[in-house]
Amino acid sequence: MATEIAACDLLAGCALPPREARALLAHVLGTTREALVARPQWAVQRSAAAAFERLAQRRRGAQPDEARPQQGQDQHHRGRRDRDAHGEAPARQAHVSGAASR
């Protein structure tokens, strides 16, 4: 069993868009996307290939609708900036239009 696989072969077998796949592989290898384009035969160790495949699988699993919290899932975070340390809403100041008070 080979201990290395060419980067181009690894990328070709990935179901992600090419740019995304290169970005993930570059991250795993500690290099840049441009370096992978310049050296398509880059020898990738099996351990790095496995790490890339795990990341790619995770990325494929996160569809746009799944990446965002569903209605009601993130309710405990909403309004947090409108509360003080005790959970109380700050007193609202009445909006005064017209001339400033004298």
PDB file of N, CA and C in Angstrom:
ATOM      1  N   MET A   1       0.839  -1.190   0.000  1.00  0.00           N
ATOM      2  CA  MET A   1       0.000   0.000   0.000  1.00  0.00           C
ATOM      3  C   MET A   1       0.881   1.250   0.000  1.00  0.00           C
ATOM      4  N   ALA A   2       0.581   2.167  -0.877  1.00  0.00           N
ATOM      5  CA  ALA A   2       1.374   3.397  -0.994  1.00  0.00           C
ATOM      6  C   ALA A   2       1.158   4.276   0.235  1.00  0.00           C
ATOM      7  N   THR A   3       2.216   4.945   0.635  1.00  0.00           N
ATOM      8  CA  THR A   3       2.107   5.833   1.790  1.00  0.00           C
ATOM      9  C   THR A   3       1.811   7.265   1.379  1.00  0.00           C
ATOM     10  N   GLU A   4       1.828   7.530   0.073  1.00  0.00           N
ATOM     11  CA  GLU A   4       1.578   8.883  -0.428  1.00  0.00           C
ATOM     12  C   GLU A   4       0.610   8.831  -1.597  1.00  0.00           C
ATOM     13  N   ILE A   5      -0.066   9.949  -1.813  1.00  0.00           N
ATOM     14  CA  ILE A   5      -0.969  10.101  -2.948  1.00  0.00           C
ATOM     15  C   ILE A   5      -0.714  11.478  -3.548  1.00  0.00           C
ATOM     16  N   ALA A   6      -0.806  11.595  -4.850  1.00  0.00           N
ATOM     17  CA  ALA A   6      -0.589  12.889  -5.502  1.00  0.00           C
ATOM     18  C   ALA A   6      -1.743  13.830  -5.178  1.00  0.00           C
ATOM     19  N   ALA A   7      -1.416  15.091  -4.950  1.00  0.00           N
ATOM     20  CA  ALA A   7      -2.436  16.083  -4.606  1.00  0.00           C
ATOM     21  C   ALA A   7      -3.518  16.161  -5.682  1.00  0.00           C
ATOM     22  N   CYS A   8      -3.121  16.090  -6.953  1.00  0.00           N
ATOM     23  CA  CYS A   8      -4.108  16.182  -8.035  1.00  0.00           C
ATOM     24  C   CYS A   8      -5.093  15.011  -7.992  1.00  0.00           C
ATOM     25  N   ASP A   9      -4.624  13.818  -7.621  1.00  0.00           N
ATOM     26  CA  ASP A   9      -5.517  12.662  -7.509  1.00  0.00           C
ATOM     27  C   ASP A   9      -6.465  12.818  -6.330  1.00  0.00           C
ATOM     28  N   LEU A  10      -5.952  13.335  -5.247  1.00  0.00           N
ATOM     29  CA  LEU A  10      -6.773  13.564  -4.059  1.00  0.00           C
ATOM     30  C   LEU A  10      -7.852  14.602  -4.345  1.00  0.00           C
ATOM     31  N   LEU A  11      -7.475  15.681  -5.028  1.00  0.00           N
ATOM     32  CA  LEU A  11      -8.429  16.735  -5.360  1.00  0.00           C
ATOM     33  C   LEU A  11      -9.463  16.255  -6.383  1.00  0.00           C
ATOM     34  N   ALA A  12      -9.042  15.412  -7.322  1.00  0.00           N
ATOM     35  CA  ALA A  12      -9.948  14.922  -8.354  1.00  0.00           C
ATOM     36  C   ALA A  12     -11.055  14.055  -7.755  1.00  0.00           C
ATOM     37  N   GLY A  13     -10.761  13.369  -6.668  1.00  0.00           N
ATOM     38  CA  GLY A  13     -11.745  12.503  -6.040  1.00  0.00           C
ATOM     39  C   GLY A  13     -12.641  13.208  -5.044  1.00  0.00           C
ATOM     40  N   CYS A  14     -12.483  14.508  -4.906  1.00  0.00           N
ATOM     41  CA  CYS A  14     -13.257  15.281  -3.932  1.00  0.00           C
ATOM     42  C   CYS A  14     -14.502  15.859  -4.589  1.00  0.00           C
ATOM     43  N   ALA A  15     -15.619  15.807  -3.889  1.00  0.00           N
ATOM     44  CA  ALA A  15     -16.881  16.313  -4.435  1.00  0.00           C
ATOM     45  C   ALA A  15     -17.078  17.817  -4.222  1.00  0.00           C
ATOM     46  N   LEU A  16     -16.101  18.478  -3.635  1.00  0.00           N
ATOM     47  CA  LEU A  16     -16.196  19.927  -3.429  1.00  0.00           C
ATOM     48  C   LEU A  16     -15.778  20.666  -4.693  1.00  0.00           C
ATOM     49  N   PRO A  17     -16.194  21.917  -4.836  1.00  0.00           N
ATOM     50  CA  PRO A  17     -15.689  22.733  -5.941  1.00  0.00           C
ATOM     51  C   PRO A  17     -14.159  22.806  -5.849  1.00  0.00           C
ATOM     52  N   PRO A  18     -13.464  22.834  -6.987  1.00  0.00           N
ATOM     53  CA  PRO A  18     -11.992  22.789  -6.981  1.00  0.00           C
ATOM     54  C   PRO A  18     -11.323  23.826  -6.083  1.00  0.00           C
ATOM     55  N   ARG A  19     -11.800  25.052  -6.101  1.00  0.00           N
ATOM     56  CA  ARG A  19     -11.161  26.093  -5.288  1.00  0.00           C
ATOM     57  C   ARG A  19     -11.286  25.781  -3.798  1.00  0.00           C
ATOM     58  N   GLU A  20     -12.468  25.319  -3.393  1.00  0.00           N
ATOM     59  CA  GLU A  20     -12.687  24.975  -1.994  1.00  0.00           C
ATOM     60  C   GLU A  20     -11.817  23.789  -1.584  1.00  0.00           C
ATOM     61  N   ALA A  21     -11.763  22.784  -2.450  1.00  0.00           N
ATOM     62  CA  ALA A  21     -10.954  21.599  -2.166  1.00  0.00           C
ATOM     63  C   ALA A  21      -9.483  21.966  -2.033  1.00  0.00           C
ATOM     64  N   ARG A  22      -8.983  22.806  -2.939  1.00  0.00           N
ATOM     65  CA  ARG A  22      -7.575  23.240  -2.850  1.00  0.00           C
ATOM     66  C   ARG A  22      -7.314  24.011  -1.559  1.00  0.00           C
ATOM     67  N   ALA A  23      -8.264  24.847  -1.162  1.00  0.00           N
ATOM     68  CA  ALA A  23      -8.101  25.621   0.074  1.00  0.00           C
ATOM     69  C   ALA A  23      -8.011  24.686   1.279  1.00  0.00           C
ATOM     70  N   LEU A  24      -8.859  23.672   1.331  1.00  0.00           N
ATOM     71  CA  LEU A  24      -8.805  22.721   2.437  1.00  0.00           C
ATOM     72  C   LEU A  24      -7.500  21.933   2.442  1.00  0.00           C
ATOM     73  N   LEU A  25      -7.101  21.449   1.269  1.00  0.00           N
ATOM     74  CA  LEU A  25      -5.859  20.679   1.196  1.00  0.00           C
ATOM     75  C   LEU A  25      -4.657  21.550   1.539  1.00  0.00           C
ATOM     76  N   ALA A  26      -4.645  22.780   1.068  1.00  0.00           N
ATOM     77  CA  ALA A  26      -3.556  23.700   1.400  1.00  0.00           C
ATOM     78  C   ALA A  26      -3.493  23.920   2.912  1.00  0.00           C
ATOM     79  N   HIS A  27      -4.643  24.040   3.540  1.00  0.00           N
ATOM     80  CA  HIS A  27      -4.700  24.211   4.995  1.00  0.00           C
ATOM     81  C   HIS A  27      -4.077  23.002   5.699  1.00  0.00           C
ATOM     82  N   VAL A  28      -4.482  21.812   5.264  1.00  0.00           N
ATOM     83  CA  VAL A  28      -3.955  20.585   5.875  1.00  0.00           C
ATOM     84  C   VAL A  28      -2.444  20.485   5.695  1.00  0.00           C
ATOM     85  N   LEU A  29      -1.953  20.869   4.527  1.00  0.00           N
ATOM     86  CA  LEU A  29      -0.527  20.744   4.225  1.00  0.00           C
ATOM     87  C   LEU A  29       0.309  21.924   4.726  1.00  0.00           C
ATOM     88  N   GLY A  30      -0.366  22.988   5.172  1.00  0.00           N
ATOM     89  CA  GLY A  30       0.372  24.163   5.637  1.00  0.00           C
ATOM     90  C   GLY A  30       1.021  24.929   4.505  1.00  0.00           C
ATOM     91  N   THR A  31       0.336  25.001   3.368  1.00  0.00           N
ATOM     92  CA  THR A  31       0.865  25.705   2.203  1.00  0.00           C
ATOM     93  C   THR A  31      -0.243  26.595   1.628  1.00  0.00           C
ATOM     94  N   THR A  32      -0.070  27.011   0.389  1.00  0.00           N
ATOM     95  CA  THR A  32      -1.061  27.876  -0.255  1.00  0.00           C
ATOM     96  C   THR A  32      -1.740  27.129  -1.403  1.00  0.00           C
ATOM     97  N   ARG A  33      -2.890  27.633  -1.815  1.00  0.00           N
ATOM     98  CA  ARG A  33      -3.583  27.062  -2.987  1.00  0.00           C
ATOM     99  C   ARG A  33      -2.703  27.182  -4.219  1.00  0.00           C
ATOM    100  N   GLU A  34      -2.023  28.305  -4.337  1.00  0.00           N
ATOM    101  CA  GLU A  34      -1.163  28.539  -5.499  1.00  0.00           C
ATOM    102  C   GLU A  34      -0.045  27.498  -5.593  1.00  0.00           C
ATOM    103  N   ALA A  35       0.507  27.121  -4.445  1.00  0.00           N
ATOM    104  CA  ALA A  35       1.560  26.106  -4.442  1.00  0.00           C
ATOM    105  C   ALA A  35       1.021  24.763  -4.933  1.00  0.00           C
ATOM    106  N   LEU A  36      -0.217  24.444  -4.591  1.00  0.00           N
ATOM    107  CA  LEU A  36      -0.820  23.191  -5.058  1.00  0.00           C
ATOM    108  C   LEU A  36      -1.079  23.228  -6.554  1.00  0.00           C
ATOM    109  N   VAL A  37      -1.458  24.384  -7.069  1.00  0.00           N
ATOM    110  CA  VAL A  37      -1.675  24.518  -8.515  1.00  0.00           C
ATOM    111  C   VAL A  37      -0.341  24.382  -9.247  1.00  0.00           C
ATOM    112  N   ALA A  38       0.694  24.965  -8.683  1.00  0.00           N
ATOM    113  CA  ALA A  38       2.011  24.923  -9.318  1.00  0.00           C
ATOM    114  C   ALA A  38       2.632  23.519  -9.268  1.00  0.00           C
ATOM    115  N   ARG A  39       2.276  22.757  -8.236  1.00  0.00           N
ATOM    116  CA  ARG A  39       2.843  21.408  -8.081  1.00  0.00           C
ATOM    117  C   ARG A  39       1.719  20.385  -7.923  1.00  0.00           C
ATOM    118  N   PRO A  40       0.997  20.056  -8.993  1.00  0.00           N
ATOM    119  CA  PRO A  40      -0.140  19.138  -8.879  1.00  0.00           C
ATOM    120  C   PRO A  40       0.252  17.729  -8.435  1.00  0.00           C
ATOM    121  N   GLN A  41       1.507  17.353  -8.631  1.00  0.00           N
ATOM    122  CA  GLN A  41       1.957  16.018  -8.229  1.00  0.00           C
ATOM    123  C   GLN A  41       2.499  15.981  -6.794  1.00  0.00           C
ATOM    124  N   TRP A  42       2.227  17.032  -6.028  1.00  0.00           N
ATOM    125  CA  TRP A  42       2.679  17.125  -4.645  1.00  0.00           C
ATOM    126  C   TRP A  42       2.343  15.814  -3.932  1.00  0.00           C
ATOM    127  N   ALA A  43       3.314  15.200  -3.298  1.00  0.00           N
ATOM    128  CA  ALA A  43       3.114  13.935  -2.590  1.00  0.00           C
ATOM    129  C   ALA A  43       2.495  14.207  -1.221  1.00  0.00           C
ATOM    130  N   VAL A  44       1.280  13.720  -1.042  1.00  0.00           N
ATOM    131  CA  VAL A  44       0.539  13.937   0.203  1.00  0.00           C
ATOM    132  C   VAL A  44       0.582  12.637   1.012  1.00  0.00           C
ATOM    133  N   GLN A  45       1.057  12.725   2.243  1.00  0.00           N
ATOM    134  CA  GLN A  45       1.087  11.559   3.131  1.00  0.00           C
ATOM    135  C   GLN A  45      -0.336  11.063   3.395  1.00  0.00           C
ATOM    136  N   ARG A  46      -0.485   9.774   3.625  1.00  0.00           N
ATOM    137  CA  ARG A  46      -1.813   9.185   3.882  1.00  0.00           C
ATOM    138  C   ARG A  46      -2.497   9.836   5.081  1.00  0.00           C
ATOM    139  N   SER A  47      -1.746  10.179   6.114  1.00  0.00           N
ATOM    140  CA  SER A  47      -2.355  10.803   7.292  1.00  0.00           C
ATOM    141  C   SER A  47      -2.935  12.173   6.938  1.00  0.00           C
ATOM    142  N   ALA A  48      -2.219  12.938   6.111  1.00  0.00           N
ATOM    143  CA  ALA A  48      -2.716  14.251   5.674  1.00  0.00           C
ATOM    144  C   ALA A  48      -3.906  14.071   4.737  1.00  0.00           C
ATOM    145  N   ALA A  49      -3.860  13.032   3.882  1.00  0.00           N
ATOM    146  CA  ALA A  49      -4.981  12.758   2.977  1.00  0.00           C
ATOM    147  C   ALA A  49      -6.231  12.410   3.775  1.00  0.00           C
ATOM    148  N   ALA A  50      -6.061  11.637   4.844  1.00  0.00           N
ATOM    149  CA  ALA A  50      -7.201  11.279   5.695  1.00  0.00           C
ATOM    150  C   ALA A  50      -7.770  12.514   6.392  1.00  0.00           C
ATOM    151  N   ALA A  51      -6.888  13.401   6.855  1.00  0.00           N
ATOM    152  CA  ALA A  51      -7.343  14.642   7.491  1.00  0.00           C
ATOM    153  C   ALA A  51      -8.105  15.504   6.487  1.00  0.00           C
ATOM    154  N   PHE A  52      -7.584  15.596   5.258  1.00  0.00           N
ATOM    155  CA  PHE A  52      -8.263  16.345   4.204  1.00  0.00           C
ATOM    156  C   PHE A  52      -9.638  15.755   3.920  1.00  0.00           C
ATOM    157  N   GLU A  53      -9.722  14.441   3.810  1.00  0.00           N
ATOM    158  CA  GLU A  53     -11.003  13.798   3.508  1.00  0.00           C
ATOM    159  C   GLU A  53     -12.012  14.014   4.622  1.00  0.00           C
ATOM    160  N   ARG A  54     -11.564  14.010   5.876  1.00  0.00           N
ATOM    161  CA  ARG A  54     -12.481  14.299   6.996  1.00  0.00           C
ATOM    162  C   ARG A  54     -13.016  15.723   6.897  1.00  0.00           C
ATOM    163  N   LEU A  55     -12.120  16.677   6.615  1.00  0.00           N
ATOM    164  CA  LEU A  55     -12.555  18.073   6.482  1.00  0.00           C
ATOM    165  C   LEU A  55     -13.502  18.250   5.299  1.00  0.00           C
ATOM    166  N   ALA A  56     -13.183  17.614   4.182  1.00  0.00           N
ATOM    167  CA  ALA A  56     -14.030  17.722   2.990  1.00  0.00           C
ATOM    168  C   ALA A  56     -15.406  17.118   3.248  1.00  0.00           C
ATOM    169  N   GLN A  57     -15.436  15.983   3.930  1.00  0.00           N
ATOM    170  CA  GLN A  57     -16.719  15.351   4.244  1.00  0.00           C
ATOM    171  C   GLN A  57     -17.536  16.249   5.168  1.00  0.00           C
ATOM    172  N   ARG A  58     -16.874  16.842   6.139  1.00  0.00           N
ATOM    173  CA  ARG A  58     -17.553  17.768   7.052  1.00  0.00           C
ATOM    174  C   ARG A  58     -18.094  18.978   6.290  1.00  0.00           C
ATOM    175  N   ARG A  59     -17.296  19.479   5.360  1.00  0.00           N
ATOM    176  CA  ARG A  59     -17.704  20.639   4.560  1.00  0.00           C
ATOM    177  C   ARG A  59     -18.880  20.297   3.649  1.00  0.00           C
ATOM    178  N   ARG A  60     -18.844  19.127   3.040  1.00  0.00           N
ATOM    179  CA  ARG A  60     -19.955  18.701   2.174  1.00  0.00           C
ATOM    180  C   ARG A  60     -21.236  18.549   2.966  1.00  0.00           C
ATOM    181  N   GLY A  61     -21.120  18.148   4.222  1.00  0.00           N
ATOM    182  CA  GLY A  61     -22.294  17.938   5.065  1.00  0.00           C
ATOM    183  C   GLY A  61     -22.948  19.224   5.515  1.00  0.00           C
ATOM    184  N   ALA A  62     -22.244  20.349   5.464  1.00  0.00           N
ATOM    185  CA  ALA A  62     -22.784  21.631   5.928  1.00  0.00           C
ATOM    186  C   ALA A  62     -23.404  22.370   4.749  1.00  0.00           C
ATOM    187  N   GLN A  63     -24.648  22.079   4.481  1.00  0.00           N
ATOM    188  CA  GLN A  63     -25.377  22.789   3.436  1.00  0.00           C
ATOM    189  C   GLN A  63     -25.742  24.177   3.959  1.00  0.00           C
ATOM    190  N   PRO A  64     -26.003  25.138   3.076  1.00  0.00           N
ATOM    191  CA  PRO A  64     -26.299  26.502   3.530  1.00  0.00           C
ATOM    192  C   PRO A  64     -27.412  26.580   4.572  1.00  0.00           C
ATOM    193  N   ASP A  65     -28.482  25.802   4.409  1.00  0.00           N
ATOM    194  CA  ASP A  65     -29.574  25.853   5.381  1.00  0.00           C
ATOM    195  C   ASP A  65     -29.179  25.237   6.717  1.00  0.00           C
ATOM    196  N   GLU A  66     -28.308  24.243   6.691  1.00  0.00           N
ATOM    197  CA  GLU A  66     -27.884  23.596   7.921  1.00  0.00           C
ATOM    198  C   GLU A  66     -26.854  24.418   8.667  1.00  0.00           C
ATOM    199  N   ALA A  67     -26.129  25.263   7.958  1.00  0.00           N
ATOM    200  CA  ALA A  67     -25.079  26.053   8.583  1.00  0.00           C
ATOM    201  C   ALA A  67     -25.662  27.149   9.468  1.00  0.00           C
ATOM    202  N   ARG A  68     -26.875  27.599   9.148  1.00  0.00           N
ATOM    203  CA  ARG A  68     -27.515  28.644   9.935  1.00  0.00           C
ATOM    204  C   ARG A  68     -28.446  28.020  10.968  1.00  0.00           C
ATOM    205  N   PRO A  69     -28.567  28.610  12.162  1.00  0.00           N
ATOM    206  CA  PRO A  69     -29.501  28.079  13.148  1.00  0.00           C
ATOM    207  C   PRO A  69     -30.932  28.161  12.620  1.00  0.00           C
ATOM    208  N   GLN A  70     -31.702  27.151  12.885  1.00  0.00           N
ATOM    209  CA  GLN A  70     -33.102  27.147  12.481  1.00  0.00           C
ATOM    210  C   GLN A  70     -33.894  28.082  13.387  1.00  0.00           C
ATOM    211  N   GLN A  71     -35.070  28.444  12.955  1.00  0.00           N
ATOM    212  CA  GLN A  71     -35.954  29.309  13.733  1.00  0.00           C
ATOM    213  C   GLN A  71     -36.121  28.717  15.127  1.00  0.00           C
ATOM    214  N   GLY A  72     -35.822  29.500  16.142  1.00  0.00           N
ATOM    215  CA  GLY A  72     -36.007  29.066  17.511  1.00  0.00           C
ATOM    216  C   GLY A  72     -34.797  28.370  18.120  1.00  0.00           C
ATOM    217  N   GLN A  73     -33.850  27.905  17.320  1.00  0.00           N
ATOM    218  CA  GLN A  73     -32.690  27.214  17.863  1.00  0.00           C
ATOM    219  C   GLN A  73     -31.773  28.138  18.635  1.00  0.00           C
ATOM    220  N   ASP A  74     -31.641  29.352  18.192  1.00  0.00           N
ATOM    221  CA  ASP A  74     -30.667  30.271  18.761  1.00  0.00           C
ATOM    222  C   ASP A  74     -31.356  31.363  19.575  1.00  0.00           C
ATOM    223  N   GLN A  75     -32.523  31.065  20.107  1.00  0.00           N
ATOM    224  CA  GLN A  75     -33.295  32.085  20.801  1.00  0.00           C
ATOM    225  C   GLN A  75     -32.598  32.600  22.057  1.00  0.00           C
ATOM    226  N   HIS A  76     -31.823  31.767  22.738  1.00  0.00           N
ATOM    227  CA  HIS A  76     -31.191  32.212  23.974  1.00  0.00           C
ATOM    228  C   HIS A  76     -30.139  33.286  23.735  1.00  0.00           C
ATOM    229  N   HIS A  77     -29.686  33.475  22.497  1.00  0.00           N
ATOM    230  CA  HIS A  77     -28.706  34.520  22.203  1.00  0.00           C
ATOM    231  C   HIS A  77     -29.368  35.823  21.775  1.00  0.00           C
ATOM    232  N   ARG A  78     -30.590  35.735  21.300  1.00  0.00           N
ATOM    233  CA  ARG A  78     -31.247  36.936  20.795  1.00  0.00           C
ATOM    234  C   ARG A  78     -31.583  37.889  21.922  1.00  0.00           C
ATOM    235  N   GLY A  79     -31.370  39.144  21.670  1.00  0.00           N
ATOM    236  CA  GLY A  79     -31.713  40.162  22.646  1.00  0.00           C
ATOM    237  C   GLY A  79     -30.698  40.308  23.770  1.00  0.00           C
ATOM    238  N   ARG A  80     -29.643  39.531  23.746  1.00  0.00           N
ATOM    239  CA  ARG A  80     -28.671  39.575  24.830  1.00  0.00           C
ATOM    240  C   ARG A  80     -28.063  40.962  24.974  1.00  0.00           C
ATOM    241  N   ARG A  81     -27.804  41.635  23.867  1.00  0.00           N
ATOM    242  CA  ARG A  81     -27.195  42.956  23.962  1.00  0.00           C
ATOM    243  C   ARG A  81     -28.193  44.000  24.458  1.00  0.00           C
ATOM    244  N   ASP A  82     -29.493  43.629  24.462  1.00  0.00           N
ATOM    245  CA  ASP A  82     -30.507  44.552  24.963  1.00  0.00           C
ATOM    246  C   ASP A  82     -30.821  44.315  26.434  1.00  0.00           C
ATOM    247  N   ARG A  83     -30.021  43.517  27.093  1.00  0.00           N
ATOM    248  CA  ARG A  83     -30.248  43.201  28.504  1.00  0.00           C
ATOM    249  C   ARG A  83     -29.014  43.597  29.311  1.00  0.00           C
ATOM    250  N   ASP A  84     -29.226  43.946  30.571  1.00  0.00           N
ATOM    251  CA  ASP A  84     -28.081  44.234  31.421  1.00  0.00           C
ATOM    252  C   ASP A  84     -27.610  42.940  32.077  1.00  0.00           C
ATOM    253  N   ALA A  85     -26.700  43.035  33.023  1.00  0.00           N
ATOM    254  CA  ALA A  85     -26.129  41.847  33.650  1.00  0.00           C
ATOM    255  C   ALA A  85     -27.162  41.032  34.421  1.00  0.00           C
ATOM    256  N   HIS A  86     -28.263  41.644  34.821  1.00  0.00           N
ATOM    257  CA  HIS A  86     -29.299  40.954  35.583  1.00  0.00           C
ATOM    258  C   HIS A  86     -30.447  40.484  34.700  1.00  0.00           C
ATOM    259  N   GLY A  87     -30.292  40.618  33.389  1.00  0.00           N
ATOM    260  CA  GLY A  87     -31.330  40.170  32.481  1.00  0.00           C
ATOM    261  C   GLY A  87     -32.455  41.172  32.284  1.00  0.00           C
ATOM    262  N   GLU A  88     -32.286  42.339  32.842  1.00  0.00           N
ATOM    263  CA  GLU A  88     -33.323  43.361  32.719  1.00  0.00           C
ATOM    264  C   GLU A  88     -33.104  44.190  31.457  1.00  0.00           C
ATOM    265  N   ALA A  89     -34.178  44.520  30.805  1.00  0.00           N
ATOM    266  CA  ALA A  89     -34.091  45.395  29.642  1.00  0.00           C
ATOM    267  C   ALA A  89     -33.797  46.808  30.138  1.00  0.00           C
ATOM    268  N   PRO A  90     -32.951  47.548  29.462  1.00  0.00           N
ATOM    269  CA  PRO A  90     -32.662  48.918  29.893  1.00  0.00           C
ATOM    270  C   PRO A  90     -33.901  49.797  29.731  1.00  0.00           C
ATOM    271  N   ALA A  91     -33.974  50.812  30.586  1.00  0.00           N
ATOM    272  CA  ALA A  91     -35.092  51.750  30.491  1.00  0.00           C
ATOM    273  C   ALA A  91     -34.996  52.484  29.166  1.00  0.00           C
ATOM    274  N   ARG A  92     -36.092  52.568  28.497  1.00  0.00           N
ATOM    275  CA  ARG A  92     -36.112  53.258  27.203  1.00  0.00           C
ATOM    276  C   ARG A  92     -36.369  54.737  27.440  1.00  0.00           C
ATOM    277  N   GLN A  93     -35.615  55.552  26.759  1.00  0.00           N
ATOM    278  CA  GLN A  93     -35.822  56.991  26.842  1.00  0.00           C
ATOM    279  C   GLN A  93     -36.845  57.370  25.787  1.00  0.00           C
ATOM    280  N   ALA A  94     -37.747  58.237  26.200  1.00  0.00           N
ATOM    281  CA  ALA A  94     -38.744  58.711  25.246  1.00  0.00           C
ATOM    282  C   ALA A  94     -38.064  59.567  24.213  1.00  0.00           C
ATOM    283  N   HIS A  95     -38.453  59.375  22.967  1.00  0.00           N
ATOM    284  CA  HIS A  95     -37.902  60.171  21.888  1.00  0.00           C
ATOM    285  C   HIS A  95     -38.565  61.544  21.922  1.00  0.00           C
ATOM    286  N   VAL A  96     -37.743  62.556  22.043  1.00  0.00           N
ATOM    287  CA  VAL A  96     -38.256  63.915  22.096  1.00  0.00           C
ATOM    288  C   VAL A  96     -37.928  64.589  20.788  1.00  0.00           C
ATOM    289  N   SER A  97     -38.949  64.993  20.081  1.00  0.00           N
ATOM    290  CA  SER A  97     -38.700  65.726  18.843  1.00  0.00           C
ATOM    291  C   SER A  97     -38.933  67.194  19.093  1.00  0.00           C
ATOM    292  N   GLY A  98     -38.358  67.982  18.259  1.00  0.00           N
ATOM    293  CA  GLY A  98     -38.531  69.419  18.405  1.00  0.00           C
ATOM    294  C   GLY A  98     -37.370  70.022  19.153  1.00  0.00           C
ATOM    295  N   ALA A  99     -37.636  71.111  19.856  1.00  0.00           N
ATOM    296  CA  ALA A  99     -36.586  71.859  20.540  1.00  0.00           C
ATOM    297  C   ALA A  99     -36.114  71.094  21.784  1.00  0.00           C
ATOM    298  N   ALA A 100     -34.872  71.347  22.134  1.00  0.00           N
ATOM    299  CA  ALA A 100     -34.313  70.720  23.338  1.00  0.00           C
ATOM    300  C   ALA A 100     -34.986  71.313  24.566  1.00  0.00           C
ATOM    301  N   SER A 101     -35.041  70.516  25.638  1.00  0.00           N
ATOM    302  CA  SER A 101     -35.683  71.011  26.861  1.00  0.00           C
ATOM    303  C   SER A 101     -34.864  72.144  27.456  1.00  0.00           C
ATOM    304  N   ARG A 102     -35.558  73.046  28.100  1.00  0.00           N
ATOM    305  CA  ARG A 102     -34.892  74.254  28.603  1.00  0.00           C
ATOM    306  C   ARG A 102     -34.614  74.173  30.051  1.00  0.00           C
TER     307      ARG A 102
END
